[in-house]
N, C-alpha and C. Protein backbone atom coordinates (compact mmCIF):
# COMPACT_ATOMS: atom_id res chain seq x y z
N MET A 1 80.47 107.89 79.28
CA MET A 1 80.44 108.34 80.80
C MET A 1 81.78 107.83 81.24
N MET A 2 82.50 106.77 81.00
CA MET A 2 83.84 106.26 81.42
C MET A 2 84.77 107.37 80.77
N ARG A 3 84.67 107.85 79.58
CA ARG A 3 85.65 108.55 78.87
C ARG A 3 85.90 110.04 79.58
N ALA A 4 84.54 110.45 79.95
CA ALA A 4 84.43 111.78 80.81
C ALA A 4 85.02 111.60 81.91
N LEU A 5 85.09 110.67 82.77
CA LEU A 5 85.34 110.33 84.05
C LEU A 5 87.04 110.24 83.93
N LYS A 6 87.37 109.62 82.99
CA LYS A 6 88.86 109.45 82.84
C LYS A 6 89.58 110.64 82.37
N ILE A 7 88.85 111.75 81.66
CA ILE A 7 89.56 113.10 81.46
C ILE A 7 89.27 113.70 82.69
N ILE A 8 88.36 113.66 83.26
CA ILE A 8 88.22 114.66 84.68
C ILE A 8 89.13 114.09 85.61
N MET A 9 89.54 112.83 85.70
CA MET A 9 90.63 112.40 86.57
C MET A 9 91.99 112.91 86.24
N PHE A 10 91.96 112.71 84.77
CA PHE A 10 93.31 113.09 84.39
C PHE A 10 93.72 114.75 84.51
N HIS A 11 92.55 115.67 84.38
CA HIS A 11 92.84 117.00 84.84
C HIS A 11 93.13 117.38 86.19
N ILE A 12 92.53 116.51 86.92
CA ILE A 12 92.58 116.83 88.54
C ILE A 12 94.01 116.19 89.01
N LEU A 13 94.46 114.95 88.48
CA LEU A 13 95.65 114.57 88.73
C LEU A 13 96.81 115.32 88.34
N LEU A 14 96.68 115.77 87.09
CA LEU A 14 97.57 116.81 86.54
C LEU A 14 97.83 118.17 87.12
N SER A 15 96.74 118.64 87.66
CA SER A 15 96.70 119.96 88.44
C SER A 15 97.29 119.81 89.89
N CYS A 16 97.25 118.68 90.44
CA CYS A 16 97.73 118.26 91.75
C CYS A 16 99.04 117.77 91.85
N ARG A 17 99.54 117.60 90.44
CA ARG A 17 100.87 116.83 90.51
C ARG A 17 101.91 117.28 91.31
N GLY A 18 102.47 118.61 91.22
CA GLY A 18 103.42 118.94 92.09
C GLY A 18 103.23 118.98 93.50
N ILE A 19 102.14 119.30 94.02
CA ILE A 19 101.82 118.94 95.48
C ILE A 19 102.08 117.45 95.98
N ILE A 20 101.40 116.64 95.12
CA ILE A 20 101.45 115.23 95.68
C ILE A 20 102.73 114.72 95.52
N LEU A 21 103.46 115.05 94.39
CA LEU A 21 104.97 114.48 94.30
C LEU A 21 105.71 114.85 95.36
N GLY A 22 105.73 116.17 95.61
CA GLY A 22 106.50 116.82 96.64
C GLY A 22 106.20 116.34 98.13
N ALA A 23 104.80 116.06 98.26
CA ALA A 23 104.42 115.64 99.72
C ALA A 23 104.94 114.14 99.91
N SER A 24 104.87 113.33 98.75
CA SER A 24 104.96 111.85 98.80
C SER A 24 106.47 111.72 99.04
N LYS A 25 107.38 112.50 98.39
CA LYS A 25 108.57 112.50 98.38
C LYS A 25 109.21 112.78 99.99
N LEU A 26 108.61 113.69 100.38
CA LEU A 26 108.70 114.41 101.78
C LEU A 26 108.43 113.19 102.89
N PHE A 27 107.30 112.63 102.61
CA PHE A 27 106.77 111.61 103.61
C PHE A 27 107.60 110.41 103.44
N ALA A 28 107.73 109.96 101.89
CA ALA A 28 108.89 108.96 101.91
C ALA A 28 110.27 109.10 102.71
N LEU A 29 110.74 110.01 102.54
CA LEU A 29 112.05 110.39 103.31
C LEU A 29 111.87 110.42 104.69
N MET A 30 110.80 110.81 105.08
CA MET A 30 110.73 110.96 106.73
C MET A 30 110.51 109.59 107.37
N PHE A 31 109.71 108.76 106.60
CA PHE A 31 109.32 107.58 107.30
C PHE A 31 110.61 106.42 107.03
N LEU A 32 111.12 106.42 105.73
CA LEU A 32 112.43 105.71 105.30
C LEU A 32 113.56 106.14 106.44
N GLY A 33 113.55 107.26 106.82
CA GLY A 33 114.75 107.79 107.70
C GLY A 33 114.41 107.44 109.04
N THR A 34 113.26 107.67 109.35
CA THR A 34 112.74 107.08 110.86
C THR A 34 113.16 105.64 110.96
N PHE A 35 112.58 104.72 109.79
CA PHE A 35 112.90 103.34 110.04
C PHE A 35 114.50 103.10 110.33
N CYS A 36 115.36 104.08 109.53
CA CYS A 36 116.92 103.62 109.70
C CYS A 36 117.29 103.97 110.96
N LEU A 37 116.96 105.25 111.46
CA LEU A 37 117.04 105.71 112.67
C LEU A 37 116.65 104.47 113.82
N VAL A 38 115.45 103.91 113.70
CA VAL A 38 114.97 103.21 114.92
C VAL A 38 115.84 101.88 114.74
N THR A 39 116.21 101.44 113.64
CA THR A 39 116.82 100.09 113.41
C THR A 39 118.44 100.34 114.04
N CYS A 40 119.05 101.62 113.72
CA CYS A 40 120.42 101.67 113.88
C CYS A 40 120.82 102.10 115.37
N PHE A 41 119.99 102.95 116.09
CA PHE A 41 120.35 103.47 117.40
C PHE A 41 119.97 102.45 118.40
N SER A 42 120.64 102.15 119.49
CA SER A 42 120.39 101.32 120.43
C SER A 42 119.37 101.54 121.61
N ASP A 43 119.28 103.09 121.63
CA ASP A 43 118.41 103.59 122.73
C ASP A 43 116.92 103.37 122.01
N LEU A 44 116.56 103.06 120.88
CA LEU A 44 115.37 103.17 120.28
C LEU A 44 114.76 101.57 119.93
N HIS A 45 115.53 100.72 120.77
CA HIS A 45 115.13 99.21 120.56
C HIS A 45 113.86 98.91 121.34
N GLY A 46 113.32 99.86 122.02
CA GLY A 46 112.18 99.34 122.73
C GLY A 46 110.78 99.45 121.84
N ILE A 47 111.07 100.24 120.68
CA ILE A 47 109.90 99.95 119.57
C ILE A 47 109.91 98.65 119.26
N SER A 48 108.35 98.14 119.06
CA SER A 48 108.26 96.75 118.73
C SER A 48 108.25 96.44 117.42
N MET A 49 108.67 95.17 116.91
CA MET A 49 108.83 94.88 115.42
C MET A 49 107.65 95.33 114.61
N ALA A 50 106.29 95.21 115.20
CA ALA A 50 105.22 95.66 114.20
C ALA A 50 105.40 97.10 114.07
N ALA A 51 105.73 98.15 114.91
CA ALA A 51 105.78 99.52 114.51
C ALA A 51 106.98 99.62 113.55
N LYS A 52 107.96 99.00 113.69
CA LYS A 52 109.06 99.24 112.90
C LYS A 52 108.61 98.64 111.25
N ILE A 53 108.03 97.72 111.30
CA ILE A 53 107.43 97.24 110.01
C ILE A 53 106.49 98.06 109.46
N MET A 54 105.38 98.58 110.23
CA MET A 54 104.50 99.72 109.64
C MET A 54 105.24 100.82 109.13
N ILE A 55 106.25 101.32 109.82
CA ILE A 55 107.09 102.72 109.42
C ILE A 55 107.60 102.29 107.98
N LEU A 56 108.35 101.14 107.80
CA LEU A 56 108.86 100.78 106.64
C LEU A 56 107.86 100.69 105.50
N ILE A 57 106.61 100.04 105.64
CA ILE A 57 105.54 99.98 104.60
C ILE A 57 105.08 101.28 104.48
N PHE A 58 104.85 102.23 105.26
CA PHE A 58 104.37 103.49 104.84
C PHE A 58 105.63 104.15 103.96
N GLY A 59 106.65 104.02 104.35
CA GLY A 59 107.85 104.72 103.53
C GLY A 59 107.84 103.97 102.06
N MET A 60 107.52 102.74 102.15
CA MET A 60 107.50 102.26 100.66
C MET A 60 106.26 102.67 99.86
N ILE A 61 105.19 102.65 100.63
CA ILE A 61 103.91 103.27 99.91
C ILE A 61 104.09 104.55 99.24
N PHE A 62 104.72 105.52 100.01
CA PHE A 62 104.99 106.96 99.49
C PHE A 62 105.93 106.74 98.55
N THR A 63 106.88 105.76 98.53
CA THR A 63 107.95 105.86 97.42
C THR A 63 107.38 105.45 96.22
N MET A 64 106.38 104.67 96.27
CA MET A 64 105.51 104.04 95.29
C MET A 64 104.74 105.00 94.54
N ILE A 65 104.14 105.99 95.26
CA ILE A 65 103.20 106.87 94.82
C ILE A 65 104.00 107.85 93.98
N PHE A 66 105.35 108.10 94.55
CA PHE A 66 106.21 109.28 94.02
C PHE A 66 106.84 108.55 92.54
N TRP A 67 106.78 107.24 92.62
CA TRP A 67 107.61 106.55 91.12
C TRP A 67 106.57 106.40 90.25
N PHE A 68 105.16 106.16 90.53
CA PHE A 68 104.21 105.62 89.67
C PHE A 68 103.21 106.72 89.48
N TYR A 69 103.04 107.96 89.78
CA TYR A 69 102.11 108.73 89.67
C TYR A 69 102.01 109.34 88.52
N ASP A 70 103.12 109.55 87.56
CA ASP A 70 103.23 110.08 86.30
C ASP A 70 102.70 108.98 85.27
N TYR A 71 102.92 107.65 85.56
CA TYR A 71 102.52 106.53 84.90
C TYR A 71 101.00 106.58 84.94
N LEU A 72 100.44 106.84 86.01
CA LEU A 72 98.71 106.98 86.25
C LEU A 72 98.30 108.15 85.33
N ILE A 73 98.88 109.37 85.15
CA ILE A 73 98.64 110.47 84.43
C ILE A 73 98.77 110.16 83.20
N LEU A 74 99.92 109.61 82.71
CA LEU A 74 100.01 109.24 81.28
C LEU A 74 99.08 108.19 80.63
N TYR A 75 98.63 107.08 81.66
CA TYR A 75 97.50 106.24 81.37
C TYR A 75 96.17 106.63 81.03
N LEU A 76 95.83 107.84 81.97
CA LEU A 76 94.39 108.50 81.86
C LEU A 76 94.48 109.57 80.98
N LYS A 77 95.65 109.90 80.27
CA LYS A 77 95.58 111.07 79.28
C LYS A 77 94.69 110.72 78.11
N PRO A 78 93.99 111.79 77.53
CA PRO A 78 93.16 111.72 76.41
C PRO A 78 93.96 111.38 75.23
N LYS A 79 93.53 110.59 74.10
CA LYS A 79 94.12 109.97 73.02
C LYS A 79 94.68 111.18 72.13
N MET A 80 94.19 112.12 72.14
CA MET A 80 94.47 113.31 71.16
C MET A 80 95.59 114.26 71.82
N LEU A 81 95.88 113.95 73.06
CA LEU A 81 96.83 115.01 73.86
C LEU A 81 98.12 114.32 73.95
N ASP A 82 99.23 115.09 73.53
CA ASP A 82 100.70 114.69 73.64
C ASP A 82 101.21 115.43 74.90
N ILE A 83 101.67 114.71 75.96
CA ILE A 83 102.25 115.32 76.93
C ILE A 83 103.59 114.74 77.42
N MET A 84 104.37 115.61 77.84
CA MET A 84 105.55 115.05 78.53
C MET A 84 105.89 115.62 80.11
N LEU A 85 106.06 114.59 80.83
CA LEU A 85 106.21 115.10 82.47
C LEU A 85 107.50 115.26 82.69
N LEU A 86 108.14 116.04 83.18
CA LEU A 86 109.48 116.37 84.08
C LEU A 86 109.26 116.34 85.34
N LYS A 87 110.30 115.65 85.85
CA LYS A 87 110.58 115.86 87.32
C LYS A 87 111.67 116.92 87.75
């Protein structure tokens, strides 16, 4: 049962790879860019520290998704399959 679930998750994650990598890279750039703008410009200092930390955390989460998504796919791949993922 677990083997079948692992194979199904592998195929779903592999088929959605391009969309997820593109979206996570875009969101990471948006959140980290927003964090840089909020911390640099004096007009935006009215934003609370909690909001700034949340923006930074979301940016880091999307960056980690972009970095480690391929490792998850390689972990879930079937034993008889040899694949190479290119970015």
